[in-house]
Amino acid sequence: MTTKTQKAAAKLPLNTIMNGDCIEMMQSLPENSIDLIFADPPYNLQLKGELHRPDNSKVDAVDDAWDQFGSFSHYDRFTRDWLAAARRILKPDGAIWVIGSYHNVFRLGAELQNQGFWILNDVVWRKSNPMPNFRGKRLTNAHETLIWASKGEGAKYTFNYEALKALNEGVQMRSDWVLPICTGHERLKDENGDKAHPTQKPES
């Protein structure tokens, strides 16, 4: 962490987006200063070759450099480092949400527990419009898992039970949420009109 980065972080106004290496950015923030963390780390999809639809058109898959790791141990080291940085800045009564797919969520959950976080719930985001399995050799991957954790066993955290119940037609909120993936006008585009990020999450 550089002195320049520390000074920049100290002057941040509210609602500021910090763009950069996640670990470096978190290291620039004060200890025990964050109420809530929502993390959407790389999936580590381990893609081998291109993916095509039945009409032979290419699928715009997640093949960016940030999702490529040389081994599971490399991915685990990255996970350990960013979670340690997140834990340092999280308030004692704060909470963290981490989202992942079957490729990485089990490794994320294990490392959360290794570092002393206490898992409160896991939430299954069931996608109402998932991408099909084009090869037809596995089940359609129609969900992702969110892990909700406090900083430690017995730690206080915020849970707006009545507000969630009101949002859910007066019924207690369940741990399976049916929501569409991000499409259409909600999808952010770059200057060329292409998807700005391949795994953008829906606002809902």
N, C-alpha and C. Protein backbone atom coordinates (compact mmCIF):
# COMPACT_ATOMS: atom_id res chain seq x y z
N MET A 1 0.84 -1.18 0.00
CA MET A 1 0.00 0.00 0.00
C MET A 1 0.88 1.24 0.00
N THR A 2 0.64 2.13 -0.92
CA THR A 2 1.47 3.33 -1.02
C THR A 2 0.84 4.46 -0.22
N THR A 3 1.67 5.44 0.15
CA THR A 3 1.18 6.61 0.86
C THR A 3 0.16 7.37 0.00
N LYS A 4 0.41 7.40 -1.30
CA LYS A 4 -0.49 8.09 -2.22
C LYS A 4 -1.88 7.43 -2.20
N THR A 5 -1.91 6.10 -2.20
CA THR A 5 -3.19 5.38 -2.17
C THR A 5 -3.91 5.62 -0.84
N GLN A 6 -3.17 5.62 0.27
CA GLN A 6 -3.75 5.87 1.58
C GLN A 6 -4.40 7.25 1.65
N LYS A 7 -3.70 8.25 1.15
CA LYS A 7 -4.23 9.61 1.17
C LYS A 7 -5.47 9.74 0.31
N ALA A 8 -5.47 9.07 -0.85
CA ALA A 8 -6.62 9.12 -1.76
C ALA A 8 -7.84 8.50 -1.09
N ALA A 9 -7.63 7.38 -0.40
CA ALA A 9 -8.74 6.69 0.26
C ALA A 9 -9.30 7.53 1.40
N ALA A 10 -8.43 8.23 2.11
CA ALA A 10 -8.85 9.03 3.26
C ALA A 10 -9.76 10.19 2.84
N LYS A 11 -9.65 10.64 1.60
CA LYS A 11 -10.42 11.78 1.11
C LYS A 11 -11.65 11.37 0.32
N LEU A 12 -11.98 10.10 0.30
CA LEU A 12 -13.09 9.64 -0.52
C LEU A 12 -14.43 10.18 -0.03
N PRO A 13 -15.22 10.79 -0.92
CA PRO A 13 -16.59 11.19 -0.55
C PRO A 13 -17.50 9.96 -0.58
N LEU A 14 -18.72 10.13 -0.12
CA LEU A 14 -19.68 9.04 -0.16
C LEU A 14 -19.96 8.63 -1.59
N ASN A 15 -20.39 7.38 -1.76
CA ASN A 15 -20.79 6.85 -3.07
C ASN A 15 -19.68 6.97 -4.11
N THR A 16 -18.49 6.59 -3.73
CA THR A 16 -17.34 6.63 -4.62
C THR A 16 -17.00 5.23 -5.11
N ILE A 17 -16.75 5.11 -6.40
CA ILE A 17 -16.30 3.85 -6.98
C ILE A 17 -14.78 3.87 -7.06
N MET A 18 -14.17 2.88 -6.42
CA MET A 18 -12.71 2.75 -6.48
C MET A 18 -12.39 1.67 -7.50
N ASN A 19 -11.71 2.02 -8.55
CA ASN A 19 -11.41 1.10 -9.64
C ASN A 19 -9.95 0.69 -9.57
N GLY A 20 -9.70 -0.60 -9.34
CA GLY A 20 -8.32 -1.06 -9.26
C GLY A 20 -8.25 -2.46 -8.69
N ASP A 21 -7.05 -2.90 -8.35
CA ASP A 21 -6.85 -4.21 -7.74
C ASP A 21 -7.61 -4.26 -6.42
N CYS A 22 -8.47 -5.28 -6.25
CA CYS A 22 -9.36 -5.30 -5.08
C CYS A 22 -8.59 -5.35 -3.76
N ILE A 23 -7.52 -6.09 -3.72
CA ILE A 23 -6.76 -6.21 -2.47
C ILE A 23 -6.08 -4.89 -2.14
N GLU A 24 -5.48 -4.28 -3.14
CA GLU A 24 -4.82 -2.98 -2.91
C GLU A 24 -5.83 -1.93 -2.48
N MET A 25 -7.01 -1.92 -3.12
CA MET A 25 -8.02 -0.94 -2.77
C MET A 25 -8.50 -1.14 -1.33
N MET A 26 -8.72 -2.39 -0.92
CA MET A 26 -9.17 -2.65 0.45
C MET A 26 -8.08 -2.31 1.46
N GLN A 27 -6.83 -2.55 1.11
CA GLN A 27 -5.74 -2.23 2.02
C GLN A 27 -5.60 -0.73 2.24
N SER A 28 -6.17 0.07 1.34
CA SER A 28 -6.10 1.52 1.49
C SER A 28 -7.19 2.05 2.41
N LEU A 29 -8.13 1.19 2.83
CA LEU A 29 -9.24 1.62 3.68
C LEU A 29 -8.92 1.33 5.15
N PRO A 30 -9.51 2.12 6.05
CA PRO A 30 -9.24 1.91 7.49
C PRO A 30 -9.77 0.58 8.00
N GLU A 31 -9.13 0.05 9.02
CA GLU A 31 -9.56 -1.18 9.66
C GLU A 31 -10.92 -0.97 10.33
N ASN A 32 -11.76 -2.01 10.31
CA ASN A 32 -13.07 -1.99 10.97
C ASN A 32 -13.91 -0.77 10.54
N SER A 33 -13.98 -0.51 9.24
CA SER A 33 -14.67 0.70 8.76
C SER A 33 -15.85 0.42 7.85
N ILE A 34 -16.07 -0.84 7.47
CA ILE A 34 -17.08 -1.16 6.46
C ILE A 34 -18.24 -1.96 7.10
N ASP A 35 -19.46 -1.53 6.80
CA ASP A 35 -20.65 -2.20 7.34
C ASP A 35 -21.00 -3.48 6.59
N LEU A 36 -20.91 -3.42 5.27
CA LEU A 36 -21.37 -4.55 4.45
C LEU A 36 -20.49 -4.70 3.22
N ILE A 37 -20.11 -5.93 2.93
CA ILE A 37 -19.33 -6.24 1.73
C ILE A 37 -20.14 -7.19 0.86
N PHE A 38 -20.27 -6.86 -0.42
CA PHE A 38 -20.84 -7.79 -1.40
C PHE A 38 -19.74 -8.10 -2.40
N ALA A 39 -19.34 -9.35 -2.47
CA ALA A 39 -18.21 -9.73 -3.33
C ALA A 39 -18.68 -10.70 -4.41
N ASP A 40 -18.25 -10.42 -5.63
CA ASP A 40 -18.54 -11.26 -6.79
C ASP A 40 -17.19 -11.65 -7.41
N PRO A 41 -16.45 -12.55 -6.76
CA PRO A 41 -15.09 -12.88 -7.21
C PRO A 41 -15.09 -13.69 -8.50
N PRO A 42 -13.94 -13.82 -9.15
CA PRO A 42 -13.84 -14.66 -10.35
C PRO A 42 -14.34 -16.08 -10.09
N TYR A 43 -14.99 -16.65 -11.11
CA TYR A 43 -15.53 -18.01 -10.98
C TYR A 43 -14.45 -19.08 -11.10
N ASN A 44 -13.36 -18.75 -11.79
CA ASN A 44 -12.36 -19.78 -12.12
C ASN A 44 -13.02 -20.91 -12.91
N LEU A 45 -13.60 -20.53 -14.06
CA LEU A 45 -14.40 -21.48 -14.85
C LEU A 45 -13.59 -22.61 -15.47
N GLN A 46 -12.30 -22.43 -15.63
CA GLN A 46 -11.43 -23.46 -16.21
C GLN A 46 -11.92 -23.89 -17.61
N LEU A 47 -12.29 -22.90 -18.43
CA LEU A 47 -12.81 -23.21 -19.77
C LEU A 47 -11.72 -23.79 -20.65
N LYS A 48 -12.10 -24.80 -21.40
CA LYS A 48 -11.18 -25.44 -22.35
C LYS A 48 -11.74 -25.29 -23.77
N GLY A 49 -11.23 -24.34 -24.50
CA GLY A 49 -11.69 -24.14 -25.87
C GLY A 49 -12.95 -23.30 -25.96
N GLU A 50 -13.40 -23.06 -27.18
CA GLU A 50 -14.57 -22.23 -27.44
C GLU A 50 -15.85 -23.03 -27.26
N LEU A 51 -16.93 -22.31 -26.98
CA LEU A 51 -18.25 -22.93 -26.82
C LEU A 51 -19.17 -22.41 -27.92
N HIS A 52 -19.88 -23.34 -28.59
CA HIS A 52 -20.76 -22.96 -29.69
C HIS A 52 -22.18 -23.45 -29.46
N ARG A 53 -23.14 -22.70 -30.02
CA ARG A 53 -24.55 -23.09 -30.00
C ARG A 53 -24.80 -24.15 -31.07
N PRO A 54 -25.98 -24.78 -31.05
CA PRO A 54 -26.30 -25.78 -32.08
C PRO A 54 -26.19 -25.25 -33.51
N ASP A 55 -26.42 -23.92 -33.70
CA ASP A 55 -26.30 -23.33 -35.05
C ASP A 55 -24.86 -22.96 -35.37
N ASN A 56 -23.93 -23.36 -34.49
CA ASN A 56 -22.49 -23.15 -34.65
C ASN A 56 -22.05 -21.71 -34.38
N SER A 57 -22.94 -20.86 -33.88
CA SER A 57 -22.53 -19.51 -33.50
C SER A 57 -21.78 -19.59 -32.16
N LYS A 58 -20.79 -18.74 -32.00
CA LYS A 58 -19.94 -18.77 -30.81
C LYS A 58 -20.64 -18.12 -29.62
N VAL A 59 -20.53 -18.76 -28.46
CA VAL A 59 -21.07 -18.22 -27.22
C VAL A 59 -20.06 -17.24 -26.64
N ASP A 60 -20.55 -16.06 -26.24
CA ASP A 60 -19.69 -15.05 -25.63
C ASP A 60 -19.46 -15.44 -24.17
N ALA A 61 -18.53 -16.34 -23.94
CA ALA A 61 -18.30 -16.91 -22.62
C ALA A 61 -17.35 -16.03 -21.80
N VAL A 62 -17.19 -16.39 -20.54
CA VAL A 62 -16.27 -15.66 -19.65
C VAL A 62 -14.86 -16.21 -19.89
N ASP A 63 -14.10 -15.49 -20.69
CA ASP A 63 -12.74 -15.93 -20.99
C ASP A 63 -11.71 -14.82 -20.73
N ASP A 64 -12.09 -13.87 -19.87
CA ASP A 64 -11.21 -12.75 -19.57
C ASP A 64 -10.03 -13.19 -18.71
N ALA A 65 -8.97 -12.42 -18.75
CA ALA A 65 -7.74 -12.77 -18.01
C ALA A 65 -7.99 -12.84 -16.51
N TRP A 66 -8.90 -11.99 -15.99
CA TRP A 66 -9.14 -11.98 -14.54
C TRP A 66 -9.79 -13.28 -14.05
N ASP A 67 -10.31 -14.11 -14.94
CA ASP A 67 -10.92 -15.38 -14.52
C ASP A 67 -10.01 -16.57 -14.83
N GLN A 68 -8.76 -16.33 -15.11
CA GLN A 68 -7.85 -17.42 -15.47
C GLN A 68 -6.77 -17.59 -14.39
N PHE A 69 -6.75 -18.78 -13.81
CA PHE A 69 -5.79 -19.11 -12.76
C PHE A 69 -5.05 -20.39 -13.16
N GLY A 70 -3.78 -20.44 -12.83
CA GLY A 70 -2.97 -21.57 -13.25
C GLY A 70 -3.31 -22.88 -12.57
N SER A 71 -3.89 -22.82 -11.37
CA SER A 71 -4.20 -24.03 -10.61
C SER A 71 -5.19 -23.69 -9.52
N PHE A 72 -5.73 -24.72 -8.89
CA PHE A 72 -6.61 -24.50 -7.75
C PHE A 72 -5.86 -23.83 -6.61
N SER A 73 -4.60 -24.19 -6.42
CA SER A 73 -3.82 -23.59 -5.33
C SER A 73 -3.62 -22.09 -5.57
N HIS A 74 -3.44 -21.70 -6.83
CA HIS A 74 -3.32 -20.28 -7.18
C HIS A 74 -4.62 -19.56 -6.87
N TYR A 75 -5.74 -20.17 -7.23
CA TYR A 75 -7.05 -19.56 -6.95
C TYR A 75 -7.29 -19.48 -5.44
N ASP A 76 -6.93 -20.53 -4.72
CA ASP A 76 -7.11 -20.54 -3.27
C ASP A 76 -6.28 -19.45 -2.59
N ARG A 77 -5.08 -19.22 -3.09
CA ARG A 77 -4.22 -18.18 -2.54
C ARG A 77 -4.84 -16.80 -2.76
N PHE A 78 -5.36 -16.58 -3.97
CA PHE A 78 -6.05 -15.32 -4.27
C PHE A 78 -7.26 -15.14 -3.35
N THR A 79 -8.05 -16.22 -3.17
CA THR A 79 -9.23 -16.17 -2.31
C THR A 79 -8.85 -15.85 -0.87
N ARG A 80 -7.80 -16.50 -0.39
CA ARG A 80 -7.34 -16.26 0.98
C ARG A 80 -6.92 -14.80 1.16
N ASP A 81 -6.23 -14.24 0.18
CA ASP A 81 -5.70 -12.89 0.31
C ASP A 81 -6.81 -11.84 0.27
N TRP A 82 -7.77 -11.98 -0.67
CA TRP A 82 -8.80 -10.93 -0.73
C TRP A 82 -9.77 -11.04 0.44
N LEU A 83 -10.04 -12.27 0.91
CA LEU A 83 -10.91 -12.40 2.08
C LEU A 83 -10.24 -11.85 3.35
N ALA A 84 -8.94 -12.02 3.46
CA ALA A 84 -8.21 -11.45 4.61
C ALA A 84 -8.28 -9.93 4.58
N ALA A 85 -8.15 -9.35 3.39
CA ALA A 85 -8.25 -7.90 3.25
C ALA A 85 -9.66 -7.43 3.59
N ALA A 86 -10.65 -8.19 3.15
CA ALA A 86 -12.04 -7.85 3.45
C ALA A 86 -12.33 -7.96 4.94
N ARG A 87 -11.80 -8.99 5.57
CA ARG A 87 -12.04 -9.19 7.00
C ARG A 87 -11.43 -8.05 7.83
N ARG A 88 -10.28 -7.55 7.41
CA ARG A 88 -9.62 -6.46 8.14
C ARG A 88 -10.48 -5.21 8.16
N ILE A 89 -11.13 -4.88 7.06
CA ILE A 89 -11.89 -3.62 6.98
C ILE A 89 -13.33 -3.76 7.46
N LEU A 90 -13.83 -4.98 7.63
CA LEU A 90 -15.21 -5.19 8.04
C LEU A 90 -15.38 -4.87 9.53
N LYS A 91 -16.43 -4.13 9.86
CA LYS A 91 -16.71 -3.82 11.26
C LYS A 91 -17.05 -5.10 12.02
N PRO A 92 -16.86 -5.10 13.34
CA PRO A 92 -17.17 -6.29 14.14
C PRO A 92 -18.62 -6.75 13.99
N ASP A 93 -19.54 -5.80 13.77
CA ASP A 93 -20.95 -6.15 13.58
C ASP A 93 -21.37 -6.08 12.11
N GLY A 94 -20.39 -6.11 11.20
CA GLY A 94 -20.66 -6.07 9.78
C GLY A 94 -20.97 -7.45 9.22
N ALA A 95 -21.21 -7.51 7.93
CA ALA A 95 -21.51 -8.79 7.27
C ALA A 95 -20.94 -8.79 5.87
N ILE A 96 -20.79 -9.98 5.33
CA ILE A 96 -20.28 -10.14 3.97
C ILE A 96 -21.18 -11.09 3.20
N TRP A 97 -21.42 -10.75 1.94
CA TRP A 97 -22.12 -11.62 1.00
C TRP A 97 -21.14 -11.97 -0.11
N VAL A 98 -21.04 -13.24 -0.44
CA VAL A 98 -20.16 -13.69 -1.52
C VAL A 98 -20.99 -14.56 -2.46
N ILE A 99 -20.91 -14.29 -3.75
CA ILE A 99 -21.67 -15.05 -4.73
C ILE A 99 -20.73 -15.89 -5.59
N GLY A 100 -21.17 -17.09 -5.95
CA GLY A 100 -20.34 -17.95 -6.78
C GLY A 100 -21.17 -19.03 -7.46
N SER A 101 -20.52 -19.77 -8.34
CA SER A 101 -21.14 -20.90 -9.03
C SER A 101 -20.51 -22.19 -8.48
N TYR A 102 -20.93 -23.31 -9.04
CA TYR A 102 -20.38 -24.57 -8.54
C TYR A 102 -18.87 -24.67 -8.76
N HIS A 103 -18.32 -23.84 -9.64
CA HIS A 103 -16.89 -23.87 -9.91
C HIS A 103 -16.06 -23.39 -8.71
N ASN A 104 -16.63 -22.46 -7.92
CA ASN A 104 -15.81 -21.82 -6.89
C ASN A 104 -16.47 -21.66 -5.53
N VAL A 105 -17.77 -21.82 -5.43
CA VAL A 105 -18.46 -21.44 -4.19
C VAL A 105 -18.07 -22.32 -3.01
N PHE A 106 -17.72 -23.58 -3.27
CA PHE A 106 -17.32 -24.47 -2.17
C PHE A 106 -15.95 -24.07 -1.61
N ARG A 107 -15.07 -23.63 -2.50
CA ARG A 107 -13.76 -23.17 -2.06
C ARG A 107 -13.90 -21.85 -1.29
N LEU A 108 -14.81 -20.99 -1.76
CA LEU A 108 -15.07 -19.73 -1.06
C LEU A 108 -15.62 -19.99 0.33
N GLY A 109 -16.58 -20.90 0.44
CA GLY A 109 -17.18 -21.20 1.74
C GLY A 109 -16.17 -21.76 2.72
N ALA A 110 -15.30 -22.64 2.25
CA ALA A 110 -14.28 -23.22 3.12
C ALA A 110 -13.33 -22.15 3.63
N GLU A 111 -12.92 -21.24 2.75
CA GLU A 111 -11.97 -20.20 3.17
C GLU A 111 -12.63 -19.18 4.10
N LEU A 112 -13.91 -18.89 3.89
CA LEU A 112 -14.62 -18.03 4.83
C LEU A 112 -14.55 -18.62 6.24
N GLN A 113 -14.82 -19.91 6.35
CA GLN A 113 -14.78 -20.57 7.65
C GLN A 113 -13.35 -20.66 8.18
N ASN A 114 -12.38 -20.89 7.31
CA ASN A 114 -10.98 -20.94 7.75
C ASN A 114 -10.55 -19.63 8.40
N GLN A 115 -11.10 -18.52 7.91
CA GLN A 115 -10.69 -17.20 8.42
C GLN A 115 -11.54 -16.73 9.59
N GLY A 116 -12.49 -17.54 10.02
CA GLY A 116 -13.26 -17.19 11.20
C GLY A 116 -14.61 -16.57 10.96
N PHE A 117 -14.97 -16.36 9.68
CA PHE A 117 -16.32 -15.87 9.40
C PHE A 117 -17.34 -16.94 9.84
N TRP A 118 -18.57 -16.49 10.15
CA TRP A 118 -19.62 -17.40 10.57
C TRP A 118 -20.75 -17.35 9.53
N ILE A 119 -21.00 -18.47 8.87
CA ILE A 119 -22.01 -18.51 7.81
C ILE A 119 -23.40 -18.47 8.42
N LEU A 120 -24.18 -17.45 8.01
CA LEU A 120 -25.53 -17.25 8.52
C LEU A 120 -26.58 -17.96 7.66
N ASN A 121 -26.41 -17.87 6.36
CA ASN A 121 -27.32 -18.52 5.40
C ASN A 121 -26.58 -18.68 4.08
N ASP A 122 -27.05 -19.61 3.28
CA ASP A 122 -26.72 -19.57 1.86
C ASP A 122 -28.03 -19.35 1.13
N VAL A 123 -27.98 -18.57 0.08
CA VAL A 123 -29.15 -18.26 -0.73
C VAL A 123 -28.93 -18.80 -2.13
N VAL A 124 -29.90 -19.52 -2.65
CA VAL A 124 -29.84 -20.02 -4.01
C VAL A 124 -30.55 -19.03 -4.92
N TRP A 125 -29.79 -18.42 -5.83
CA TRP A 125 -30.39 -17.55 -6.84
C TRP A 125 -30.75 -18.45 -8.03
N ARG A 126 -32.05 -18.75 -8.15
CA ARG A 126 -32.51 -19.57 -9.27
C ARG A 126 -32.84 -18.65 -10.43
N LYS A 127 -32.14 -18.82 -11.52
CA LYS A 127 -32.30 -17.94 -12.68
C LYS A 127 -33.54 -18.33 -13.47
N SER A 128 -34.43 -17.36 -13.68
CA SER A 128 -35.66 -17.66 -14.41
C SER A 128 -35.40 -17.80 -15.91
N ASN A 129 -34.27 -17.31 -16.37
CA ASN A 129 -33.92 -17.38 -17.80
C ASN A 129 -32.45 -17.76 -17.98
N PRO A 130 -32.03 -18.93 -17.49
CA PRO A 130 -30.61 -19.29 -17.55
C PRO A 130 -30.14 -19.59 -18.98
N MET A 131 -28.83 -19.47 -19.17
CA MET A 131 -28.26 -19.87 -20.45
C MET A 131 -28.34 -21.40 -20.58
N PRO A 132 -28.79 -21.92 -21.73
CA PRO A 132 -28.88 -23.38 -21.89
C PRO A 132 -27.52 -24.05 -21.85
N ASN A 133 -27.52 -25.34 -21.62
CA ASN A 133 -26.30 -26.13 -21.74
C ASN A 133 -26.23 -26.58 -23.20
N PHE A 134 -25.40 -25.90 -23.98
CA PHE A 134 -25.41 -26.10 -25.43
C PHE A 134 -24.86 -27.45 -25.86
N ARG A 135 -23.98 -28.02 -25.07
CA ARG A 135 -23.40 -29.31 -25.45
C ARG A 135 -24.31 -30.47 -25.10
N GLY A 136 -25.27 -30.23 -24.24
CA GLY A 136 -26.22 -31.27 -23.88
C GLY A 136 -25.61 -32.44 -23.13
N LYS A 137 -24.53 -32.19 -22.41
CA LYS A 137 -23.84 -33.27 -21.70
C LYS A 137 -23.90 -33.10 -20.18
N ARG A 138 -24.54 -31.99 -19.73
CA ARG A 138 -24.71 -31.74 -18.30
C ARG A 138 -26.05 -31.06 -18.10
N LEU A 139 -26.43 -30.90 -16.83
CA LEU A 139 -27.65 -30.16 -16.51
C LEU A 139 -27.46 -28.68 -16.84
N THR A 140 -28.54 -27.99 -17.19
CA THR A 140 -28.48 -26.55 -17.37
C THR A 140 -28.08 -25.91 -16.05
N ASN A 141 -27.06 -25.09 -16.07
CA ASN A 141 -26.58 -24.43 -14.86
C ASN A 141 -27.49 -23.25 -14.55
N ALA A 142 -28.55 -23.50 -13.79
CA ALA A 142 -29.63 -22.52 -13.62
C ALA A 142 -29.61 -21.78 -12.29
N HIS A 143 -28.53 -21.89 -11.54
CA HIS A 143 -28.51 -21.16 -10.27
C HIS A 143 -27.08 -20.77 -9.89
N GLU A 144 -27.00 -19.80 -8.99
CA GLU A 144 -25.75 -19.46 -8.31
C GLU A 144 -26.05 -19.42 -6.82
N THR A 145 -25.01 -19.48 -6.01
CA THR A 145 -25.17 -19.51 -4.56
C THR A 145 -24.55 -18.26 -3.94
N LEU A 146 -25.29 -17.64 -3.04
CA LEU A 146 -24.78 -16.51 -2.27
C LEU A 146 -24.58 -16.98 -0.84
N ILE A 147 -23.43 -16.68 -0.29
CA ILE A 147 -23.13 -17.00 1.11
C ILE A 147 -23.19 -15.71 1.91
N TRP A 148 -23.97 -15.73 2.98
CA TRP A 148 -24.09 -14.57 3.87
C TRP A 148 -23.42 -14.94 5.18
N ALA A 149 -22.46 -14.14 5.61
CA ALA A 149 -21.70 -14.47 6.80
C ALA A 149 -21.44 -13.24 7.66
N SER A 150 -21.36 -13.46 8.97
CA SER A 150 -20.95 -12.42 9.90
C SER A 150 -19.45 -12.57 10.15
N LYS A 151 -18.87 -11.63 10.89
CA LYS A 151 -17.43 -11.64 11.07
C LYS A 151 -16.96 -12.78 11.97
N GLY A 152 -17.86 -13.31 12.80
CA GLY A 152 -17.48 -14.42 13.65
C GLY A 152 -18.69 -14.99 14.37
N GLU A 153 -18.52 -16.14 14.97
CA GLU A 153 -19.60 -16.78 15.71
C GLU A 153 -20.04 -15.86 16.86
N GLY A 154 -21.35 -15.62 16.94
CA GLY A 154 -21.87 -14.76 17.99
C GLY A 154 -21.80 -13.28 17.69
N ALA A 155 -21.20 -12.90 16.56
CA ALA A 155 -21.09 -11.48 16.21
C ALA A 155 -22.47 -10.92 15.85
N LYS A 156 -22.70 -9.67 16.20
CA LYS A 156 -23.95 -9.02 15.84
C LYS A 156 -23.93 -8.67 14.35
N TYR A 157 -25.11 -8.61 13.75
CA TYR A 157 -25.24 -8.24 12.35
C TYR A 157 -26.63 -7.66 12.15
N THR A 158 -26.85 -7.00 11.04
CA THR A 158 -28.14 -6.39 10.75
C THR A 158 -28.97 -7.30 9.87
N PHE A 159 -30.23 -7.50 10.25
CA PHE A 159 -31.16 -8.28 9.44
C PHE A 159 -32.52 -7.59 9.49
N ASN A 160 -32.92 -7.01 8.39
CA ASN A 160 -34.18 -6.27 8.31
C ASN A 160 -35.34 -7.22 7.99
N TYR A 161 -35.71 -7.99 9.00
CA TYR A 161 -36.70 -9.05 8.82
C TYR A 161 -38.04 -8.51 8.30
N GLU A 162 -38.58 -7.48 8.93
CA GLU A 162 -39.89 -6.97 8.55
C GLU A 162 -39.86 -6.37 7.15
N ALA A 163 -38.77 -5.68 6.81
CA ALA A 163 -38.67 -5.09 5.47
C ALA A 163 -38.64 -6.18 4.40
N LEU A 164 -37.89 -7.25 4.65
CA LEU A 164 -37.82 -8.35 3.70
C LEU A 164 -39.19 -9.04 3.57
N LYS A 165 -39.88 -9.18 4.68
CA LYS A 165 -41.20 -9.80 4.66
C LYS A 165 -42.17 -8.95 3.84
N ALA A 166 -42.09 -7.63 4.00
CA ALA A 166 -42.95 -6.73 3.24
C ALA A 166 -42.66 -6.81 1.74
N LEU A 167 -41.38 -6.98 1.41
CA LEU A 167 -41.01 -7.12 -0.01
C LEU A 167 -41.45 -8.45 -0.59
N ASN A 168 -41.78 -9.41 0.27
CA ASN A 168 -42.12 -10.77 -0.15
C ASN A 168 -43.60 -11.08 0.09
N GLU A 169 -44.46 -10.07 -0.16
CA GLU A 169 -45.91 -10.22 -0.07
C GLU A 169 -46.38 -10.69 1.31
N GLY A 170 -45.68 -10.21 2.36
CA GLY A 170 -46.09 -10.50 3.72
C GLY A 170 -45.68 -11.86 4.25
N VAL A 171 -44.90 -12.58 3.46
CA VAL A 171 -44.45 -13.91 3.87
C VAL A 171 -42.96 -13.87 4.19
N GLN A 172 -42.55 -14.65 5.19
CA GLN A 172 -41.15 -14.71 5.57
C GLN A 172 -40.26 -15.02 4.36
N MET A 173 -39.20 -14.23 4.19
CA MET A 173 -38.31 -14.41 3.04
C MET A 173 -37.60 -15.75 3.12
N ARG A 174 -37.61 -16.46 2.00
CA ARG A 174 -36.96 -17.76 1.92
C ARG A 174 -35.54 -17.62 1.38
N SER A 175 -34.81 -18.73 1.41
CA SER A 175 -33.42 -18.71 0.96
C SER A 175 -33.27 -19.15 -0.50
N ASP A 176 -34.37 -19.20 -1.25
CA ASP A 176 -34.28 -19.43 -2.69
C ASP A 176 -35.00 -18.29 -3.40
N TRP A 177 -34.24 -17.58 -4.24
CA TRP A 177 -34.75 -16.40 -4.91
C TRP A 177 -34.80 -16.64 -6.42
N VAL A 178 -35.98 -16.46 -7.02
CA VAL A 178 -36.13 -16.63 -8.46
C VAL A 178 -36.06 -15.25 -9.11
N LEU A 179 -34.99 -15.02 -9.83
CA LEU A 179 -34.75 -13.72 -10.47
C LEU A 179 -34.13 -13.94 -11.84
N PRO A 180 -34.42 -13.05 -12.80
CA PRO A 180 -33.82 -13.20 -14.13
C PRO A 180 -32.35 -12.77 -14.14
N ILE A 181 -31.60 -13.27 -15.10
CA ILE A 181 -30.23 -12.80 -15.28
C ILE A 181 -30.28 -11.41 -15.92
N CYS A 182 -29.17 -10.74 -15.92
CA CYS A 182 -29.10 -9.37 -16.43
C CYS A 182 -29.15 -9.37 -17.97
N THR A 183 -30.18 -8.72 -18.51
CA THR A 183 -30.34 -8.66 -19.97
C THR A 183 -30.89 -7.30 -20.38
N GLY A 184 -31.00 -7.09 -21.69
CA GLY A 184 -31.69 -5.92 -22.23
C GLY A 184 -31.08 -4.60 -21.82
N HIS A 185 -31.97 -3.64 -21.48
CA HIS A 185 -31.53 -2.27 -21.18
C HIS A 185 -30.72 -2.20 -19.89
N GLU A 186 -30.87 -3.19 -19.02
CA GLU A 186 -30.12 -3.19 -17.76
C GLU A 186 -28.64 -3.50 -18.00
N ARG A 187 -28.36 -4.18 -19.08
CA ARG A 187 -26.98 -4.58 -19.38
C ARG A 187 -26.15 -3.37 -19.77
N LEU A 188 -25.05 -3.15 -19.04
CA LEU A 188 -24.14 -2.05 -19.34
C LEU A 188 -23.31 -2.39 -20.57
N LYS A 189 -23.08 -1.39 -21.43
CA LYS A 189 -22.33 -1.59 -22.68
C LYS A 189 -21.09 -0.70 -22.69
N ASP A 190 -20.08 -1.16 -23.42
CA ASP A 190 -18.88 -0.35 -23.58
C ASP A 190 -19.03 0.57 -24.78
N GLU A 191 -17.95 1.27 -25.13
CA GLU A 191 -18.02 2.23 -26.24
C GLU A 191 -18.30 1.58 -27.58
N ASN A 192 -18.08 0.26 -27.68
CA ASN A 192 -18.35 -0.47 -28.93
C ASN A 192 -19.73 -1.12 -28.95
N GLY A 193 -20.49 -0.93 -27.87
CA GLY A 193 -21.81 -1.53 -27.80
C GLY A 193 -21.81 -2.96 -27.31
N ASP A 194 -20.65 -3.46 -26.87
CA ASP A 194 -20.56 -4.82 -26.34
C ASP A 194 -20.78 -4.81 -24.83
N LYS A 195 -21.01 -5.99 -24.27
CA LYS A 195 -21.20 -6.11 -22.82
C LYS A 195 -19.98 -5.54 -22.10
N ALA A 196 -20.23 -4.64 -21.14
CA ALA A 196 -19.12 -4.05 -20.39
C ALA A 196 -18.49 -5.04 -19.45
N HIS A 197 -19.29 -6.02 -18.98
CA HIS A 197 -18.77 -7.05 -18.09
C HIS A 197 -19.57 -8.33 -18.34
N PRO A 198 -18.89 -9.47 -18.49
CA PRO A 198 -19.59 -10.70 -18.86
C PRO A 198 -20.48 -11.30 -17.77
N THR A 199 -20.24 -10.91 -16.50
CA THR A 199 -21.04 -11.52 -15.42
C THR A 199 -21.77 -10.46 -14.60
N GLN A 200 -22.25 -9.41 -15.27
CA GLN A 200 -23.00 -8.37 -14.57
C GLN A 200 -24.22 -8.99 -13.89
N LYS A 201 -24.44 -8.60 -12.64
CA LYS A 201 -25.57 -9.13 -11.88
C LYS A 201 -26.79 -8.23 -12.05
N PRO A 202 -27.99 -8.80 -12.02
CA PRO A 202 -29.20 -8.00 -12.17
C PRO A 202 -29.44 -7.13 -10.94
N GLU A 203 -30.02 -5.97 -11.13
CA GLU A 203 -30.30 -5.07 -10.00
C GLU A 203 -31.24 -5.73 -9.00
N SER A 204 -32.16 -6.54 -9.48
CA SER A 204 -33.10 -7.21 -8.56
C SER A 204 -32.41 -8.14 -7.60
